[in-house]
Amino acid sequence: MSRIGNNPISIPEGVSVNVNGDIITVKGKNGEMNQNFDGVSFDISDDTIIVKRNSESKDHKSKHGLYRALVYNMVLGVSDGFTLELELVGVGYRANASGQKLDLSLGFSHTIAMNIASEVKVETINEKGKNPIIKLSSPDKQLVGHVAAKIRSFRRPEPYKGKGIKFVGEQIRRKAGKSA
C-alpha cells in the first residue's frame, strides 16, 4: 500500500490541472509544466487531485507514489516555485552571473564558465566580509536540483577546512587534522 500515493493533492488558487491522454498539464502564475504518466489515473475535483493506480501489479504500485510526488512538485512549482542557495566557502572564491551565464572562480588556474538552462533564474549575492551566495530559482524542482548539483560538483566541500561549494545551512562533517 502506497502511503504517499494515497495522499490527496490540494490545488491552490490560480492553478489549473488538465489530463489529456497520458499527459498531465499544470498551469500557474510561474508557467506551465507537463508530465507523461502510465499505470495511474487522476481524479480531479475542484480543489484536489487524487492519484489512483490502474491495477495491483508491482509496476503500477511502484509508480503510484512516484507520479503523486511528481504532480505535487509540479503544482508547488507553478504556484510558488523552488529556490536553492549555494555558498562559496574559501579565500578568493567568487561567482558572477550575467544573464544565464555563471562565472566561477574557485581557486583553479582558470575560471569556470557555465551556461544555465533558460528555465532557471540565477542570481549572485556578493557582500563584503561574507561568502558569495548563488541563488537558483525555477518552477521545476528536478532541474534546480540538477543545476545545483552540477555547480557543487566543481568544488565539493572538503572535511578538513570546510572549503568548497555547499548548500546554505548544510553542516559539513569536519575531521581533525594531523596532530603533531
N, C-alpha and C. Protein backbone atom coordinates (compact mmCIF):
# COMPACT_ATOMS: atom_id res chain seq x y z
N MET A 1 0.84 -1.18 0.00
CA MET A 1 0.00 0.00 0.00
C MET A 1 0.88 1.24 0.00
N SER A 2 0.66 2.13 -0.93
CA SER A 2 1.46 3.33 -1.03
C SER A 2 0.93 4.38 -0.07
N ARG A 3 1.79 4.83 0.83
CA ARG A 3 1.37 5.85 1.78
C ARG A 3 1.37 7.23 1.12
N ILE A 4 2.37 7.49 0.30
CA ILE A 4 2.46 8.79 -0.36
C ILE A 4 1.42 8.89 -1.47
N GLY A 5 1.25 7.83 -2.23
CA GLY A 5 0.33 7.86 -3.36
C GLY A 5 -1.12 8.07 -2.97
N ASN A 6 -1.50 7.69 -1.76
CA ASN A 6 -2.88 7.84 -1.33
C ASN A 6 -3.20 9.24 -0.82
N ASN A 7 -2.21 10.06 -0.56
CA ASN A 7 -2.47 11.42 -0.07
C ASN A 7 -3.04 12.28 -1.19
N PRO A 8 -4.11 13.02 -0.93
CA PRO A 8 -4.64 13.92 -1.97
C PRO A 8 -3.75 15.15 -2.12
N ILE A 9 -3.77 15.72 -3.32
CA ILE A 9 -3.00 16.93 -3.62
C ILE A 9 -3.99 18.08 -3.68
N SER A 10 -3.78 19.12 -2.86
CA SER A 10 -4.68 20.27 -2.90
C SER A 10 -4.20 21.23 -3.99
N ILE A 11 -5.14 21.77 -4.73
CA ILE A 11 -4.84 22.70 -5.83
C ILE A 11 -5.04 24.12 -5.31
N PRO A 12 -3.99 24.95 -5.27
CA PRO A 12 -4.16 26.33 -4.79
C PRO A 12 -4.86 27.20 -5.83
N GLU A 13 -5.23 28.41 -5.41
CA GLU A 13 -5.88 29.37 -6.31
C GLU A 13 -4.95 29.72 -7.46
N GLY A 14 -5.50 29.85 -8.66
CA GLY A 14 -4.73 30.26 -9.82
C GLY A 14 -3.99 29.13 -10.52
N VAL A 15 -4.20 27.89 -10.10
CA VAL A 15 -3.55 26.74 -10.73
C VAL A 15 -4.61 25.88 -11.39
N SER A 16 -4.37 25.51 -12.65
CA SER A 16 -5.31 24.63 -13.36
C SER A 16 -4.59 23.36 -13.77
N VAL A 17 -5.31 22.23 -13.67
CA VAL A 17 -4.75 20.92 -13.97
C VAL A 17 -5.62 20.27 -15.03
N ASN A 18 -4.99 19.79 -16.12
CA ASN A 18 -5.70 19.10 -17.20
C ASN A 18 -5.01 17.79 -17.52
N VAL A 19 -5.81 16.75 -17.80
CA VAL A 19 -5.28 15.46 -18.23
C VAL A 19 -5.74 15.24 -19.66
N ASN A 20 -4.77 15.00 -20.55
CA ASN A 20 -5.08 14.76 -21.96
C ASN A 20 -4.33 13.50 -22.38
N GLY A 21 -5.05 12.39 -22.45
CA GLY A 21 -4.40 11.13 -22.80
C GLY A 21 -3.49 10.67 -21.69
N ASP A 22 -2.18 10.56 -22.00
CA ASP A 22 -1.22 10.15 -20.98
C ASP A 22 -0.29 11.29 -20.59
N ILE A 23 -0.78 12.53 -20.70
CA ILE A 23 0.00 13.71 -20.31
C ILE A 23 -0.84 14.54 -19.36
N ILE A 24 -0.25 14.90 -18.22
CA ILE A 24 -0.91 15.80 -17.28
C ILE A 24 -0.22 17.16 -17.39
N THR A 25 -1.03 18.23 -17.48
CA THR A 25 -0.53 19.58 -17.64
C THR A 25 -0.98 20.42 -16.45
N VAL A 26 -0.04 21.14 -15.86
CA VAL A 26 -0.33 22.01 -14.73
C VAL A 26 0.08 23.42 -15.12
N LYS A 27 -0.86 24.38 -15.02
CA LYS A 27 -0.58 25.78 -15.37
C LYS A 27 -0.78 26.65 -14.14
N GLY A 28 0.09 27.65 -13.99
CA GLY A 28 0.00 28.57 -12.88
C GLY A 28 0.71 29.87 -13.22
N LYS A 29 0.90 30.70 -12.19
CA LYS A 29 1.50 32.02 -12.42
C LYS A 29 2.97 31.93 -12.83
N ASN A 30 3.67 30.84 -12.45
CA ASN A 30 5.09 30.69 -12.79
C ASN A 30 5.33 29.95 -14.08
N GLY A 31 4.26 29.53 -14.77
CA GLY A 31 4.45 28.85 -16.04
C GLY A 31 3.59 27.62 -16.18
N GLU A 32 4.01 26.75 -17.09
CA GLU A 32 3.27 25.54 -17.41
C GLU A 32 4.23 24.36 -17.42
N MET A 33 3.80 23.23 -16.85
CA MET A 33 4.63 22.04 -16.81
C MET A 33 3.82 20.84 -17.27
N ASN A 34 4.48 19.92 -17.99
CA ASN A 34 3.84 18.70 -18.49
C ASN A 34 4.57 17.49 -17.94
N GLN A 35 3.83 16.39 -17.79
CA GLN A 35 4.44 15.14 -17.34
C GLN A 35 3.70 13.96 -17.98
N ASN A 36 4.45 13.06 -18.61
CA ASN A 36 3.87 11.81 -19.11
C ASN A 36 3.65 10.87 -17.94
N PHE A 37 2.63 10.02 -18.04
CA PHE A 37 2.39 9.04 -16.99
C PHE A 37 1.80 7.77 -17.58
N ASP A 38 1.95 6.68 -16.84
CA ASP A 38 1.30 5.42 -17.20
C ASP A 38 1.13 4.59 -15.93
N GLY A 39 0.10 3.78 -15.92
CA GLY A 39 -0.15 2.92 -14.77
C GLY A 39 -0.99 3.56 -13.68
N VAL A 40 -1.30 4.84 -13.80
CA VAL A 40 -2.12 5.53 -12.81
C VAL A 40 -3.19 6.35 -13.52
N SER A 41 -4.19 6.77 -12.77
CA SER A 41 -5.21 7.68 -13.28
C SER A 41 -5.41 8.78 -12.25
N PHE A 42 -5.92 9.91 -12.71
CA PHE A 42 -6.09 11.07 -11.85
C PHE A 42 -7.57 11.43 -11.76
N ASP A 43 -8.07 11.58 -10.52
CA ASP A 43 -9.42 12.09 -10.28
C ASP A 43 -9.26 13.55 -9.85
N ILE A 44 -9.70 14.46 -10.72
CA ILE A 44 -9.53 15.89 -10.45
C ILE A 44 -10.89 16.48 -10.09
N SER A 45 -10.99 17.03 -8.88
CA SER A 45 -12.21 17.73 -8.47
C SER A 45 -11.87 19.22 -8.43
N ASP A 46 -12.69 20.01 -7.76
CA ASP A 46 -12.50 21.46 -7.75
C ASP A 46 -11.15 21.87 -7.16
N ASP A 47 -10.79 21.31 -6.02
CA ASP A 47 -9.56 21.76 -5.37
C ASP A 47 -8.64 20.63 -4.93
N THR A 48 -8.87 19.40 -5.40
CA THR A 48 -7.98 18.29 -5.04
C THR A 48 -7.73 17.37 -6.24
N ILE A 49 -6.59 16.71 -6.20
CA ILE A 49 -6.24 15.68 -7.17
C ILE A 49 -5.98 14.40 -6.37
N ILE A 50 -6.60 13.30 -6.81
CA ILE A 50 -6.35 12.02 -6.18
C ILE A 50 -5.76 11.10 -7.24
N VAL A 51 -4.63 10.48 -6.90
CA VAL A 51 -3.94 9.57 -7.82
C VAL A 51 -4.36 8.14 -7.48
N LYS A 52 -4.84 7.42 -8.50
CA LYS A 52 -5.25 6.02 -8.31
C LYS A 52 -4.48 5.15 -9.28
N ARG A 53 -4.06 3.97 -8.81
CA ARG A 53 -3.35 3.06 -9.70
C ARG A 53 -4.36 2.20 -10.46
N ASN A 54 -3.99 1.80 -11.68
CA ASN A 54 -4.90 1.05 -12.54
C ASN A 54 -5.04 -0.40 -12.14
N SER A 55 -4.01 -0.99 -11.52
CA SER A 55 -4.08 -2.37 -11.09
C SER A 55 -3.18 -2.55 -9.87
N GLU A 56 -3.16 -3.75 -9.34
CA GLU A 56 -2.33 -4.04 -8.17
C GLU A 56 -1.00 -4.68 -8.56
N SER A 57 -0.58 -4.53 -9.83
CA SER A 57 0.70 -5.11 -10.24
C SER A 57 1.85 -4.35 -9.57
N LYS A 58 2.98 -5.02 -9.48
CA LYS A 58 4.14 -4.43 -8.81
C LYS A 58 4.59 -3.15 -9.50
N ASP A 59 4.53 -3.13 -10.82
CA ASP A 59 4.93 -1.96 -11.59
C ASP A 59 4.02 -0.77 -11.29
N HIS A 60 2.73 -1.00 -11.26
CA HIS A 60 1.77 0.08 -11.00
C HIS A 60 1.85 0.56 -9.56
N LYS A 61 2.13 -0.35 -8.64
CA LYS A 61 2.29 0.05 -7.24
C LYS A 61 3.52 0.95 -7.08
N SER A 62 4.59 0.63 -7.81
CA SER A 62 5.80 1.43 -7.68
C SER A 62 5.63 2.82 -8.29
N LYS A 63 4.79 2.95 -9.30
CA LYS A 63 4.59 4.25 -9.95
C LYS A 63 3.55 5.11 -9.25
N HIS A 64 2.76 4.52 -8.35
CA HIS A 64 1.69 5.26 -7.68
C HIS A 64 2.24 6.45 -6.89
N GLY A 65 3.17 6.20 -5.99
CA GLY A 65 3.76 7.27 -5.19
C GLY A 65 4.64 8.19 -6.01
N LEU A 66 5.30 7.63 -7.03
CA LEU A 66 6.18 8.44 -7.88
C LEU A 66 5.39 9.55 -8.59
N TYR A 67 4.31 9.18 -9.27
CA TYR A 67 3.57 10.18 -10.02
C TYR A 67 2.83 11.15 -9.11
N ARG A 68 2.43 10.70 -7.93
CA ARG A 68 1.82 11.62 -6.98
C ARG A 68 2.85 12.68 -6.57
N ALA A 69 4.08 12.26 -6.28
CA ALA A 69 5.13 13.20 -5.88
C ALA A 69 5.49 14.14 -7.02
N LEU A 70 5.56 13.63 -8.26
CA LEU A 70 5.89 14.48 -9.40
C LEU A 70 4.82 15.54 -9.64
N VAL A 71 3.55 15.14 -9.56
CA VAL A 71 2.46 16.09 -9.78
C VAL A 71 2.41 17.11 -8.64
N TYR A 72 2.65 16.66 -7.41
CA TYR A 72 2.67 17.57 -6.27
C TYR A 72 3.77 18.62 -6.45
N ASN A 73 4.96 18.19 -6.89
CA ASN A 73 6.05 19.14 -7.14
C ASN A 73 5.72 20.09 -8.28
N MET A 74 4.99 19.62 -9.29
CA MET A 74 4.58 20.49 -10.38
C MET A 74 3.60 21.55 -9.88
N VAL A 75 2.65 21.15 -9.05
CA VAL A 75 1.67 22.11 -8.50
C VAL A 75 2.36 23.15 -7.64
N LEU A 76 3.28 22.71 -6.77
CA LEU A 76 4.03 23.67 -5.95
C LEU A 76 4.90 24.58 -6.80
N GLY A 77 5.51 24.02 -7.84
CA GLY A 77 6.42 24.80 -8.68
C GLY A 77 5.73 25.91 -9.44
N VAL A 78 4.56 25.63 -10.04
CA VAL A 78 3.89 26.66 -10.82
C VAL A 78 3.19 27.68 -9.93
N SER A 79 2.96 27.35 -8.65
CA SER A 79 2.33 28.33 -7.77
C SER A 79 3.37 29.11 -6.97
N ASP A 80 4.33 28.43 -6.34
CA ASP A 80 5.32 29.12 -5.50
C ASP A 80 6.72 29.13 -6.10
N GLY A 81 7.13 28.04 -6.71
CA GLY A 81 8.48 27.92 -7.25
C GLY A 81 9.42 27.33 -6.21
N PHE A 82 10.60 26.92 -6.66
CA PHE A 82 11.60 26.34 -5.79
C PHE A 82 12.87 27.17 -5.86
N THR A 83 13.54 27.32 -4.71
CA THR A 83 14.76 28.11 -4.63
C THR A 83 15.82 27.32 -3.87
N LEU A 84 17.03 27.30 -4.41
CA LEU A 84 18.18 26.71 -3.73
C LEU A 84 19.29 27.75 -3.67
N GLU A 85 19.99 27.79 -2.53
CA GLU A 85 21.09 28.73 -2.37
C GLU A 85 22.37 27.95 -2.10
N LEU A 86 23.42 28.30 -2.83
CA LEU A 86 24.73 27.69 -2.67
C LEU A 86 25.70 28.74 -2.13
N GLU A 87 26.55 28.33 -1.20
CA GLU A 87 27.51 29.25 -0.59
C GLU A 87 28.92 28.82 -0.97
N LEU A 88 29.74 29.78 -1.40
CA LEU A 88 31.13 29.51 -1.77
C LEU A 88 32.02 29.84 -0.57
N VAL A 89 32.62 28.80 0.02
CA VAL A 89 33.46 28.98 1.19
C VAL A 89 34.91 28.78 0.78
N GLY A 90 35.71 29.82 0.89
CA GLY A 90 37.13 29.73 0.55
C GLY A 90 37.67 31.10 0.19
N VAL A 91 38.95 31.28 0.43
CA VAL A 91 39.59 32.56 0.14
C VAL A 91 39.69 32.75 -1.36
N GLY A 92 39.17 33.84 -1.87
CA GLY A 92 39.24 34.15 -3.28
C GLY A 92 38.19 33.48 -4.14
N TYR A 93 37.26 32.76 -3.55
CA TYR A 93 36.19 32.13 -4.32
C TYR A 93 35.17 33.20 -4.67
N ARG A 94 34.84 33.30 -5.96
CA ARG A 94 33.91 34.33 -6.42
C ARG A 94 32.93 33.75 -7.42
N ALA A 95 31.79 34.39 -7.53
CA ALA A 95 30.78 34.00 -8.52
C ALA A 95 30.15 35.26 -9.09
N ASN A 96 30.00 35.29 -10.41
CA ASN A 96 29.35 36.41 -11.09
C ASN A 96 28.36 35.85 -12.10
N ALA A 97 27.14 36.38 -12.08
CA ALA A 97 26.12 35.94 -13.03
C ALA A 97 25.78 37.10 -13.95
N SER A 98 25.78 36.81 -15.25
CA SER A 98 25.34 37.79 -16.24
C SER A 98 24.39 37.07 -17.18
N GLY A 99 23.12 37.36 -17.02
CA GLY A 99 22.11 36.66 -17.80
C GLY A 99 22.04 35.21 -17.36
N GLN A 100 22.20 34.28 -18.30
CA GLN A 100 22.17 32.85 -17.99
C GLN A 100 23.56 32.25 -17.94
N LYS A 101 24.59 33.10 -17.81
CA LYS A 101 25.96 32.62 -17.74
C LYS A 101 26.50 32.87 -16.34
N LEU A 102 27.10 31.83 -15.75
CA LEU A 102 27.65 31.91 -14.41
C LEU A 102 29.15 31.70 -14.50
N ASP A 103 29.92 32.68 -14.01
CA ASP A 103 31.38 32.60 -13.98
C ASP A 103 31.82 32.31 -12.55
N LEU A 104 32.57 31.23 -12.37
CA LEU A 104 33.02 30.82 -11.04
C LEU A 104 34.54 30.87 -10.97
N SER A 105 35.06 31.48 -9.92
CA SER A 105 36.49 31.48 -9.64
C SER A 105 36.67 30.68 -8.35
N LEU A 106 37.19 29.44 -8.48
CA LEU A 106 37.22 28.51 -7.36
C LEU A 106 38.62 28.04 -6.99
N GLY A 107 39.61 28.87 -7.25
CA GLY A 107 40.97 28.52 -6.88
C GLY A 107 41.71 27.71 -7.92
N PHE A 108 41.12 27.46 -9.06
CA PHE A 108 41.82 26.79 -10.14
C PHE A 108 42.61 27.84 -10.92
N SER A 109 43.42 27.40 -11.88
CA SER A 109 44.20 28.33 -12.68
C SER A 109 43.33 29.06 -13.69
N HIS A 110 42.08 28.63 -13.85
CA HIS A 110 41.17 29.23 -14.81
C HIS A 110 39.80 29.44 -14.15
N THR A 111 39.01 30.31 -14.73
CA THR A 111 37.63 30.46 -14.24
C THR A 111 36.74 29.46 -14.96
N ILE A 112 35.66 29.09 -14.32
CA ILE A 112 34.71 28.14 -14.90
C ILE A 112 33.50 28.93 -15.37
N ALA A 113 33.20 28.84 -16.65
CA ALA A 113 32.02 29.50 -17.22
C ALA A 113 30.97 28.43 -17.47
N MET A 114 29.78 28.63 -16.92
CA MET A 114 28.72 27.64 -17.03
C MET A 114 27.47 28.31 -17.56
N ASN A 115 26.88 27.72 -18.59
CA ASN A 115 25.61 28.21 -19.11
C ASN A 115 24.48 27.51 -18.37
N ILE A 116 23.59 28.30 -17.81
CA ILE A 116 22.47 27.78 -17.02
C ILE A 116 21.26 27.66 -17.93
N ALA A 117 20.44 26.63 -17.72
CA ALA A 117 19.23 26.41 -18.51
C ALA A 117 18.32 27.64 -18.41
N SER A 118 17.58 27.91 -19.48
CA SER A 118 16.76 29.13 -19.53
C SER A 118 15.61 29.10 -18.52
N GLU A 119 15.19 27.90 -18.06
CA GLU A 119 14.10 27.81 -17.10
C GLU A 119 14.53 28.18 -15.68
N VAL A 120 15.84 28.22 -15.44
CA VAL A 120 16.36 28.51 -14.11
C VAL A 120 16.85 29.96 -14.06
N LYS A 121 16.40 30.70 -13.05
CA LYS A 121 16.86 32.07 -12.85
C LYS A 121 18.03 32.03 -11.87
N VAL A 122 19.15 32.59 -12.27
CA VAL A 122 20.35 32.57 -11.44
C VAL A 122 20.68 33.99 -10.99
N GLU A 123 21.11 34.10 -9.73
CA GLU A 123 21.43 35.40 -9.14
C GLU A 123 22.58 35.19 -8.17
N THR A 124 23.52 36.14 -8.12
CA THR A 124 24.62 36.03 -7.17
C THR A 124 24.54 37.18 -6.18
N ILE A 125 24.89 36.87 -4.94
CA ILE A 125 24.89 37.88 -3.87
C ILE A 125 26.32 37.96 -3.33
N ASN A 126 26.95 39.11 -3.55
CA ASN A 126 28.32 39.33 -3.08
C ASN A 126 28.31 40.48 -2.09
N GLU A 127 28.51 40.17 -0.81
CA GLU A 127 28.62 41.20 0.22
C GLU A 127 30.01 41.15 0.80
N LYS A 128 30.54 42.31 1.09
CA LYS A 128 31.90 42.38 1.61
C LYS A 128 31.94 41.75 3.01
N GLY A 129 32.92 40.89 3.22
CA GLY A 129 33.09 40.23 4.50
C GLY A 129 32.26 38.96 4.66
N LYS A 130 31.46 38.61 3.65
CA LYS A 130 30.65 37.39 3.71
C LYS A 130 30.95 36.53 2.49
N ASN A 131 30.64 35.27 2.61
CA ASN A 131 30.86 34.35 1.49
C ASN A 131 29.87 34.64 0.36
N PRO A 132 30.32 34.53 -0.90
CA PRO A 132 29.39 34.72 -2.03
C PRO A 132 28.30 33.64 -2.02
N ILE A 133 27.10 34.02 -2.46
CA ILE A 133 25.97 33.10 -2.50
C ILE A 133 25.41 33.08 -3.91
N ILE A 134 25.13 31.89 -4.41
CA ILE A 134 24.47 31.70 -5.71
C ILE A 134 23.04 31.28 -5.42
N LYS A 135 22.08 32.01 -5.96
CA LYS A 135 20.67 31.73 -5.71
C LYS A 135 20.03 31.25 -7.01
N LEU A 136 19.50 30.01 -7.00
CA LEU A 136 18.85 29.42 -8.17
C LEU A 136 17.36 29.28 -7.88
N SER A 137 16.52 29.69 -8.83
CA SER A 137 15.08 29.54 -8.64
C SER A 137 14.43 29.16 -9.97
N SER A 138 13.40 28.29 -9.87
CA SER A 138 12.70 27.78 -11.03
C SER A 138 11.44 27.07 -10.57
N PRO A 139 10.45 26.91 -11.45
CA PRO A 139 9.29 26.11 -11.08
C PRO A 139 9.56 24.61 -11.14
N ASP A 140 10.65 24.18 -11.77
CA ASP A 140 10.97 22.77 -11.92
C ASP A 140 11.95 22.33 -10.84
N LYS A 141 11.49 21.55 -9.87
CA LYS A 141 12.32 21.12 -8.75
C LYS A 141 13.48 20.25 -9.20
N GLN A 142 13.24 19.35 -10.15
CA GLN A 142 14.29 18.46 -10.62
C GLN A 142 15.41 19.24 -11.30
N LEU A 143 15.04 20.22 -12.10
CA LEU A 143 16.03 21.00 -12.84
C LEU A 143 16.88 21.86 -11.90
N VAL A 144 16.26 22.47 -10.88
CA VAL A 144 17.00 23.28 -9.92
C VAL A 144 18.00 22.41 -9.17
N GLY A 145 17.56 21.22 -8.75
CA GLY A 145 18.46 20.32 -8.04
C GLY A 145 19.60 19.84 -8.92
N HIS A 146 19.32 19.59 -10.19
CA HIS A 146 20.35 19.13 -11.12
C HIS A 146 21.41 20.22 -11.35
N VAL A 147 20.96 21.46 -11.56
CA VAL A 147 21.90 22.57 -11.78
C VAL A 147 22.73 22.82 -10.53
N ALA A 148 22.08 22.78 -9.35
CA ALA A 148 22.81 22.99 -8.10
C ALA A 148 23.85 21.89 -7.88
N ALA A 149 23.50 20.65 -8.20
CA ALA A 149 24.45 19.54 -8.04
C ALA A 149 25.63 19.69 -9.01
N LYS A 150 25.35 20.17 -10.21
CA LYS A 150 26.42 20.38 -11.19
C LYS A 150 27.38 21.47 -10.72
N ILE A 151 26.84 22.57 -10.20
CA ILE A 151 27.69 23.66 -9.69
C ILE A 151 28.51 23.16 -8.50
N ARG A 152 27.87 22.40 -7.61
CA ARG A 152 28.55 21.90 -6.42
C ARG A 152 29.66 20.91 -6.78
N SER A 153 29.51 20.20 -7.89
CA SER A 153 30.50 19.19 -8.28
C SER A 153 31.83 19.81 -8.69
N PHE A 154 31.86 21.10 -9.00
CA PHE A 154 33.12 21.74 -9.38
C PHE A 154 34.10 21.81 -8.21
N ARG A 155 33.58 21.99 -6.98
CA ARG A 155 34.45 22.05 -5.80
C ARG A 155 33.63 21.62 -4.59
N ARG A 156 33.61 20.32 -4.33
CA ARG A 156 32.85 19.80 -3.19
C ARG A 156 33.49 20.27 -1.88
N PRO A 157 32.70 20.42 -0.81
CA PRO A 157 33.29 20.83 0.47
C PRO A 157 34.23 19.74 0.99
N GLU A 158 35.41 20.14 1.42
CA GLU A 158 36.36 19.16 1.93
C GLU A 158 36.28 19.16 3.46
N PRO A 159 36.58 18.02 4.11
CA PRO A 159 36.30 17.86 5.53
C PRO A 159 37.30 18.50 6.49
N TYR A 160 38.45 18.96 6.01
CA TYR A 160 39.47 19.47 6.92
C TYR A 160 39.31 20.96 7.19
N LYS A 161 39.18 21.76 6.14
CA LYS A 161 39.00 23.20 6.33
C LYS A 161 37.57 23.65 6.03
N GLY A 162 36.80 22.82 5.37
CA GLY A 162 35.42 23.18 5.03
C GLY A 162 35.31 24.01 3.77
N LYS A 163 36.39 24.10 2.99
CA LYS A 163 36.36 24.90 1.78
C LYS A 163 35.60 24.18 0.68
N GLY A 164 34.92 24.95 -0.15
CA GLY A 164 34.20 24.37 -1.28
C GLY A 164 32.84 25.02 -1.46
N ILE A 165 31.99 24.41 -2.27
CA ILE A 165 30.65 24.93 -2.53
C ILE A 165 29.68 24.06 -1.73
N LYS A 166 28.90 24.69 -0.86
CA LYS A 166 27.93 23.95 -0.06
C LYS A 166 26.58 24.64 -0.11
N PHE A 167 25.55 23.90 0.24
CA PHE A 167 24.22 24.48 0.32
C PHE A 167 24.15 25.36 1.57
N VAL A 168 23.39 26.44 1.53
CA VAL A 168 23.23 27.30 2.69
C VAL A 168 22.52 26.50 3.78
N GLY A 169 23.11 26.47 4.96
CA GLY A 169 22.55 25.73 6.08
C GLY A 169 23.06 24.31 6.20
N GLU A 170 23.85 23.85 5.23
CA GLU A 170 24.37 22.48 5.26
C GLU A 170 25.49 22.38 6.29
N GLN A 171 25.49 21.31 7.06
CA GLN A 171 26.54 21.07 8.04
C GLN A 171 27.57 20.13 7.42
N ILE A 172 28.81 20.55 7.39
CA ILE A 172 29.89 19.75 6.84
C ILE A 172 30.54 18.98 7.99
N ARG A 173 30.67 17.66 7.82
CA ARG A 173 31.36 16.86 8.84
C ARG A 173 32.84 17.16 8.77
N ARG A 174 33.38 17.63 9.87
CA ARG A 174 34.78 18.02 9.90
C ARG A 174 35.62 16.93 10.52
N LYS A 175 36.84 16.79 10.01
CA LYS A 175 37.80 15.84 10.54
C LYS A 175 38.91 16.59 11.26
N ALA A 176 39.53 15.95 12.22
CA ALA A 176 40.69 16.53 12.89
C ALA A 176 41.89 16.38 11.97
N GLY A 177 42.71 17.40 11.95
CA GLY A 177 43.91 17.34 11.11
C GLY A 177 45.01 16.52 11.77
N LYS A 178 46.21 16.61 11.22
CA LYS A 178 47.34 15.90 11.81
C LYS A 178 47.65 16.47 13.18
N SER A 179 47.91 15.61 14.12
CA SER A 179 48.34 16.10 15.43
C SER A 179 49.85 15.92 15.53
N ALA A 180 50.53 17.00 15.90
CA ALA A 180 52.00 16.98 15.87
C ALA A 180 52.59 16.26 17.04
